[in-house]
Amino acid sequence: MRRILLIIILLFPCCASAETEYPDADRLEKIFKPVLPVQTVYHEVPRGLIISINEDYFFKGSSAKIKCSSLKTLDTIAKFLNKIPNDCVIEDHTQNNNSANSDWELSVMRSSNILDYLVQCGGVPSMKLFHLGYGDVMPLRDNVRTGGKVSGKRIDFVIIDYEAKR
């Protein structure tokens, strides 16, 4: 038992404290970076750390069904979310398909499905998770001028910074 505890402390130093410690974005990025896809992008913003993964990694085409090939990554994310005290907002951003309702509905279903998986299969407490579907209203670049319909397709896991909530 002591060995297991020591391993947990070494692997997750942000969680070793007896007090509730809210790790900063730099420490969270160091925890997640080795286990997420290479193309993952990290952004530190006032509300916390945004971990962006291309939507195609989790979903095929216009489906809201999570790909089996990404379940291991979601299991890893769940494991880490269970180790940290921070809340997490799952945000889905789709591409512009010239149909605002279908983009938004698809986006909401996708973020909801990821949340459901993290709760049901990953054991993450539902009170730590929230989900939002933005559709195509928050692209990374201007979809119209760049012709970059895929520029905004992503799933953002926003690890909320406790200090930002005050």
C-alpha atoms as a PDB file:
ATOM      1  CA  MET A   1       0.000   0.000   0.000  1.00  0.00           C
ATOM      2  CA  ARG A   2       2.841   2.414   0.819  1.00  0.00           C
ATOM      3  CA  ARG A   3       4.424   1.757  -2.579  1.00  0.00           C
ATOM      4  CA  ILE A   4       1.185   2.565  -4.350  1.00  0.00           C
ATOM      5  CA  LEU A   5       0.795   5.783  -2.363  1.00  0.00           C
ATOM      6  CA  LEU A   6       4.399   6.770  -3.116  1.00  0.00           C
ATOM      7  CA  ILE A   7       3.861   6.119  -6.830  1.00  0.00           C
ATOM      8  CA  ILE A   8       0.707   8.248  -6.800  1.00  0.00           C
ATOM      9  CA  ILE A   9       2.569  11.061  -5.036  1.00  0.00           C
ATOM     10  CA  LEU A  10       5.428  10.871  -7.552  1.00  0.00           C
ATOM     11  CA  LEU A  11       3.124  10.753 -10.586  1.00  0.00           C
ATOM     12  CA  PHE A  12       0.673  13.342  -9.311  1.00  0.00           C
ATOM     13  CA  PRO A  13       2.635  15.775  -7.118  1.00  0.00           C
ATOM     14  CA  CYS A  14      -0.138  18.372  -7.344  1.00  0.00           C
ATOM     15  CA  CYS A  15      -2.403  15.977  -5.458  1.00  0.00           C
ATOM     16  CA  ALA A  16       0.006  14.973  -2.688  1.00  0.00           C
ATOM     17  CA  SER A  17      -0.915  17.780  -0.320  1.00  0.00           C
ATOM     18  CA  ALA A  18      -3.331  17.061   2.498  1.00  0.00           C
ATOM     19  CA  GLU A  19      -4.920  20.450   1.839  1.00  0.00           C
ATOM     20  CA  THR A  20      -6.975  21.112  -1.260  1.00  0.00           C
ATOM     21  CA  GLU A  21      -4.453  22.559  -3.657  1.00  0.00           C
ATOM     22  CA  TYR A  22      -5.549  23.882  -7.011  1.00  0.00           C
ATOM     23  CA  PRO A  23      -2.676  23.300  -9.422  1.00  0.00           C
ATOM     24  CA  ASP A  24      -1.806  26.104 -11.787  1.00  0.00           C
ATOM     25  CA  ALA A  25      -1.990  25.792 -15.556  1.00  0.00           C
ATOM     26  CA  ASP A  26       1.728  25.026 -15.961  1.00  0.00           C
ATOM     27  CA  ARG A  27       1.521  22.038 -13.620  1.00  0.00           C
ATOM     28  CA  LEU A  28      -1.674  20.774 -15.220  1.00  0.00           C
ATOM     29  CA  GLU A  29      -0.095  20.974 -18.669  1.00  0.00           C
ATOM     30  CA  LYS A  30       2.886  18.934 -17.452  1.00  0.00           C
ATOM     31  CA  ILE A  31       0.490  16.281 -16.140  1.00  0.00           C
ATOM     32  CA  PHE A  32      -1.639  16.023 -19.295  1.00  0.00           C
ATOM     33  CA  LYS A  33       0.963  16.551 -22.029  1.00  0.00           C
ATOM     34  CA  PRO A  34       2.549  13.052 -21.932  1.00  0.00           C
ATOM     35  CA  VAL A  35      -0.784  11.258 -22.276  1.00  0.00           C
ATOM     36  CA  LEU A  36      -2.746  13.290 -24.820  1.00  0.00           C
ATOM     37  CA  PRO A  37      -2.433  13.334 -28.637  1.00  0.00           C
ATOM     38  CA  VAL A  38       0.602  15.138 -30.026  1.00  0.00           C
ATOM     39  CA  GLN A  39      -1.540  17.739 -31.806  1.00  0.00           C
ATOM     40  CA  THR A  40      -3.115  18.839 -28.499  1.00  0.00           C
ATOM     41  CA  VAL A  41      -2.874  22.589 -27.906  1.00  0.00           C
ATOM     42  CA  TYR A  42      -2.709  24.189 -24.458  1.00  0.00           C
ATOM     43  CA  HIS A  43      -3.873  27.746 -23.750  1.00  0.00           C
ATOM     44  CA  GLU A  44      -3.653  29.473 -20.405  1.00  0.00           C
ATOM     45  CA  VAL A  45      -6.509  31.935 -19.972  1.00  0.00           C
ATOM     46  CA  PRO A  46      -7.816  33.817 -16.934  1.00  0.00           C
ATOM     47  CA  ARG A  47     -10.333  31.087 -16.133  1.00  0.00           C
ATOM     48  CA  GLY A  48      -7.777  28.266 -16.218  1.00  0.00           C
ATOM     49  CA  LEU A  49      -6.146  25.941 -18.743  1.00  0.00           C
ATOM     50  CA  ILE A  50      -7.769  25.045 -22.047  1.00  0.00           C
ATOM     51  CA  ILE A  51      -6.703  21.720 -23.494  1.00  0.00           C
ATOM     52  CA  SER A  52      -7.808  21.653 -27.154  1.00  0.00           C
ATOM     53  CA  ILE A  53      -7.970  18.424 -29.111  1.00  0.00           C
ATOM     54  CA  ASN A  54      -9.146  18.266 -32.728  1.00  0.00           C
ATOM     55  CA  GLU A  55     -12.759  17.141 -32.884  1.00  0.00           C
ATOM     56  CA  ASP A  56     -11.889  14.494 -35.502  1.00  0.00           C
ATOM     57  CA  TYR A  57      -9.885  12.632 -32.859  1.00  0.00           C
ATOM     58  CA  PHE A  58     -13.121  11.887 -30.953  1.00  0.00           C
ATOM     59  CA  PHE A  59     -15.820  11.873 -33.655  1.00  0.00           C
ATOM     60  CA  LYS A  60     -16.227  10.773 -37.269  1.00  0.00           C
ATOM     61  CA  GLY A  61     -17.917  13.132 -39.700  1.00  0.00           C
ATOM     62  CA  SER A  62     -21.140  14.582 -38.343  1.00  0.00           C
ATOM     63  CA  SER A  63     -21.639  11.812 -35.802  1.00  0.00           C
ATOM     64  CA  ALA A  64     -21.990  12.417 -32.064  1.00  0.00           C
ATOM     65  CA  LYS A  65     -20.850   8.858 -31.278  1.00  0.00           C
ATOM     66  CA  ILE A  66     -17.422   8.767 -29.637  1.00  0.00           C
ATOM     67  CA  LYS A  67     -14.831   6.783 -31.614  1.00  0.00           C
ATOM     68  CA  CYS A  68     -13.617   3.624 -29.887  1.00  0.00           C
ATOM     69  CA  SER A  69     -10.039   4.639 -30.701  1.00  0.00           C
ATOM     70  CA  SER A  70     -10.328   7.687 -28.431  1.00  0.00           C
ATOM     71  CA  LEU A  71     -11.770   5.927 -25.367  1.00  0.00           C
ATOM     72  CA  LYS A  72      -8.331   5.243 -23.897  1.00  0.00           C
ATOM     73  CA  THR A  73      -7.576   8.974 -24.021  1.00  0.00           C
ATOM     74  CA  LEU A  74     -10.881   9.749 -22.302  1.00  0.00           C
ATOM     75  CA  ASP A  75     -10.083   7.117 -19.664  1.00  0.00           C
ATOM     76  CA  THR A  76      -6.759   8.867 -19.034  1.00  0.00           C
ATOM     77  CA  ILE A  77      -8.451  12.264 -18.826  1.00  0.00           C
ATOM     78  CA  ALA A  78     -10.966  10.811 -16.344  1.00  0.00           C
ATOM     79  CA  LYS A  79      -8.160   9.384 -14.235  1.00  0.00           C
ATOM     80  CA  PHE A  80      -6.510  12.797 -13.981  1.00  0.00           C
ATOM     81  CA  LEU A  81      -9.762  14.649 -13.373  1.00  0.00           C
ATOM     82  CA  ASN A  82     -10.404  12.301 -10.476  1.00  0.00           C
ATOM     83  CA  LYS A  83      -7.015  13.221  -8.991  1.00  0.00           C
ATOM     84  CA  ILE A  84      -7.346  16.996  -9.125  1.00  0.00           C
ATOM     85  CA  PRO A  85      -9.870  19.156  -7.285  1.00  0.00           C
ATOM     86  CA  ASN A  86     -10.570  21.426 -10.262  1.00  0.00           C
ATOM     87  CA  ASP A  87     -13.852  21.533 -12.151  1.00  0.00           C
ATOM     88  CA  CYS A  88     -13.765  20.928 -15.895  1.00  0.00           C
ATOM     89  CA  VAL A  89     -15.916  22.382 -18.662  1.00  0.00           C
ATOM     90  CA  ILE A  90     -16.141  20.316 -21.847  1.00  0.00           C
ATOM     91  CA  GLU A  91     -16.723  22.592 -24.827  1.00  0.00           C
ATOM     92  CA  ASP A  92     -17.367  21.386 -28.365  1.00  0.00           C
ATOM     93  CA  HIS A  93     -16.761  23.583 -31.409  1.00  0.00           C
ATOM     94  CA  THR A  94     -17.966  22.379 -34.808  1.00  0.00           C
ATOM     95  CA  GLN A  95     -17.302  23.667 -38.293  1.00  0.00           C
ATOM     96  CA  ASN A  96     -19.640  25.905 -40.222  1.00  0.00           C
ATOM     97  CA  ASN A  97     -22.030  23.673 -42.157  1.00  0.00           C
ATOM     98  CA  ASN A  98     -24.385  26.541 -43.102  1.00  0.00           C
ATOM     99  CA  SER A  99     -26.988  25.248 -40.664  1.00  0.00           C
ATOM    100  CA  ALA A 100     -26.799  26.969 -37.282  1.00  0.00           C
ATOM    101  CA  ASN A 101     -29.292  24.667 -35.579  1.00  0.00           C
ATOM    102  CA  SER A 102     -27.639  21.435 -36.695  1.00  0.00           C
ATOM    103  CA  ASP A 103     -24.146  22.743 -35.818  1.00  0.00           C
ATOM    104  CA  TRP A 104     -25.277  23.762 -32.360  1.00  0.00           C
ATOM    105  CA  GLU A 105     -27.282  20.567 -31.742  1.00  0.00           C
ATOM    106  CA  LEU A 106     -24.376  18.379 -32.860  1.00  0.00           C
ATOM    107  CA  SER A 107     -21.992  20.366 -30.692  1.00  0.00           C
ATOM    108  CA  VAL A 108     -24.202  19.996 -27.606  1.00  0.00           C
ATOM    109  CA  MET A 109     -24.659  16.247 -28.206  1.00  0.00           C
ATOM    110  CA  ARG A 110     -20.912  15.722 -28.575  1.00  0.00           C
ATOM    111  CA  SER A 111     -19.961  17.596 -25.423  1.00  0.00           C
ATOM    112  CA  SER A 112     -22.767  15.827 -23.558  1.00  0.00           C
ATOM    113  CA  ASN A 113     -21.569  12.410 -24.748  1.00  0.00           C
ATOM    114  CA  ILE A 114     -18.036  13.105 -23.565  1.00  0.00           C
ATOM    115  CA  LEU A 115     -19.331  14.265 -20.183  1.00  0.00           C
ATOM    116  CA  ASP A 116     -21.514  11.143 -19.906  1.00  0.00           C
ATOM    117  CA  TYR A 117     -18.554   8.909 -20.729  1.00  0.00           C
ATOM    118  CA  LEU A 118     -16.312  10.593 -18.152  1.00  0.00           C
ATOM    119  CA  VAL A 119     -19.009  10.185 -15.473  1.00  0.00           C
ATOM    120  CA  GLN A 120     -20.296   6.707 -16.331  1.00  0.00           C
ATOM    121  CA  CYS A 121     -17.087   4.992 -17.407  1.00  0.00           C
ATOM    122  CA  GLY A 122     -14.420   7.192 -15.827  1.00  0.00           C
ATOM    123  CA  GLY A 123     -16.071   7.692 -12.459  1.00  0.00           C
ATOM    124  CA  VAL A 124     -15.621  11.470 -12.510  1.00  0.00           C
ATOM    125  CA  PRO A 125     -18.162  13.069 -10.143  1.00  0.00           C
ATOM    126  CA  SER A 126     -20.834  14.758 -12.228  1.00  0.00           C
ATOM    127  CA  MET A 127     -20.696  17.866 -10.039  1.00  0.00           C
ATOM    128  CA  LYS A 128     -17.120  18.510 -11.294  1.00  0.00           C
ATOM    129  CA  LEU A 129     -18.116  18.534 -14.961  1.00  0.00           C
ATOM    130  CA  PHE A 130     -20.071  20.890 -17.182  1.00  0.00           C
ATOM    131  CA  HIS A 131     -20.578  20.852 -20.941  1.00  0.00           C
ATOM    132  CA  LEU A 132     -21.273  23.434 -23.599  1.00  0.00           C
ATOM    133  CA  GLY A 133     -21.854  23.248 -27.315  1.00  0.00           C
ATOM    134  CA  TYR A 134     -20.816  26.334 -29.236  1.00  0.00           C
ATOM    135  CA  GLY A 135     -21.437  25.105 -32.765  1.00  0.00           C
ATOM    136  CA  ASP A 136     -19.409  27.271 -35.129  1.00  0.00           C
ATOM    137  CA  VAL A 137     -19.668  30.595 -33.262  1.00  0.00           C
ATOM    138  CA  MET A 138     -16.133  30.532 -31.781  1.00  0.00           C
ATOM    139  CA  PRO A 139     -13.729  29.540 -34.584  1.00  0.00           C
ATOM    140  CA  LEU A 140      -9.998  29.822 -34.063  1.00  0.00           C
ATOM    141  CA  ARG A 141      -9.804  31.811 -37.303  1.00  0.00           C
ATOM    142  CA  ASP A 142     -12.349  33.554 -39.481  1.00  0.00           C
ATOM    143  CA  ASN A 143     -13.937  30.679 -41.422  1.00  0.00           C
ATOM    144  CA  VAL A 144     -15.309  32.958 -44.129  1.00  0.00           C
ATOM    145  CA  ARG A 145     -12.138  34.841 -45.051  1.00  0.00           C
ATOM    146  CA  THR A 146      -9.707  31.931 -44.705  1.00  0.00           C
ATOM    147  CA  GLY A 147     -11.921  29.263 -46.234  1.00  0.00           C
ATOM    148  CA  GLY A 148     -10.785  27.172 -43.275  1.00  0.00           C
ATOM    149  CA  LYS A 149     -13.882  25.247 -42.344  1.00  0.00           C
ATOM    150  CA  VAL A 150     -11.845  22.934 -40.091  1.00  0.00           C
ATOM    151  CA  SER A 151     -10.123  25.771 -38.232  1.00  0.00           C
ATOM    152  CA  GLY A 152     -12.550  25.737 -35.324  1.00  0.00           C
ATOM    153  CA  LYS A 153     -13.264  22.017 -34.966  1.00  0.00           C
ATOM    154  CA  ARG A 154     -12.142  21.058 -31.493  1.00  0.00           C
ATOM    155  CA  ILE A 155     -13.036  19.737 -28.098  1.00  0.00           C
ATOM    156  CA  ASP A 156     -11.833  22.011 -25.309  1.00  0.00           C
ATOM    157  CA  PHE A 157     -11.342  20.617 -21.829  1.00  0.00           C
ATOM    158  CA  VAL A 158     -11.235  23.727 -19.659  1.00  0.00           C
ATOM    159  CA  ILE A 159      -9.620  22.980 -16.308  1.00  0.00           C
ATOM    160  CA  ILE A 160     -11.023  25.743 -14.135  1.00  0.00           C
ATOM    161  CA  ASP A 161      -8.537  27.670 -12.007  1.00  0.00           C
ATOM    162  CA  TYR A 162      -9.932  27.999  -8.491  1.00  0.00           C
ATOM    163  CA  GLU A 163      -8.525  31.495  -8.105  1.00  0.00           C
ATOM    164  CA  ALA A 164     -10.385  32.613 -11.238  1.00  0.00           C
ATOM    165  CA  LYS A 165     -13.694  31.571  -9.655  1.00  0.00           C
ATOM    166  CA  ARG A 166     -13.388  34.168  -6.878  1.00  0.00           C
END
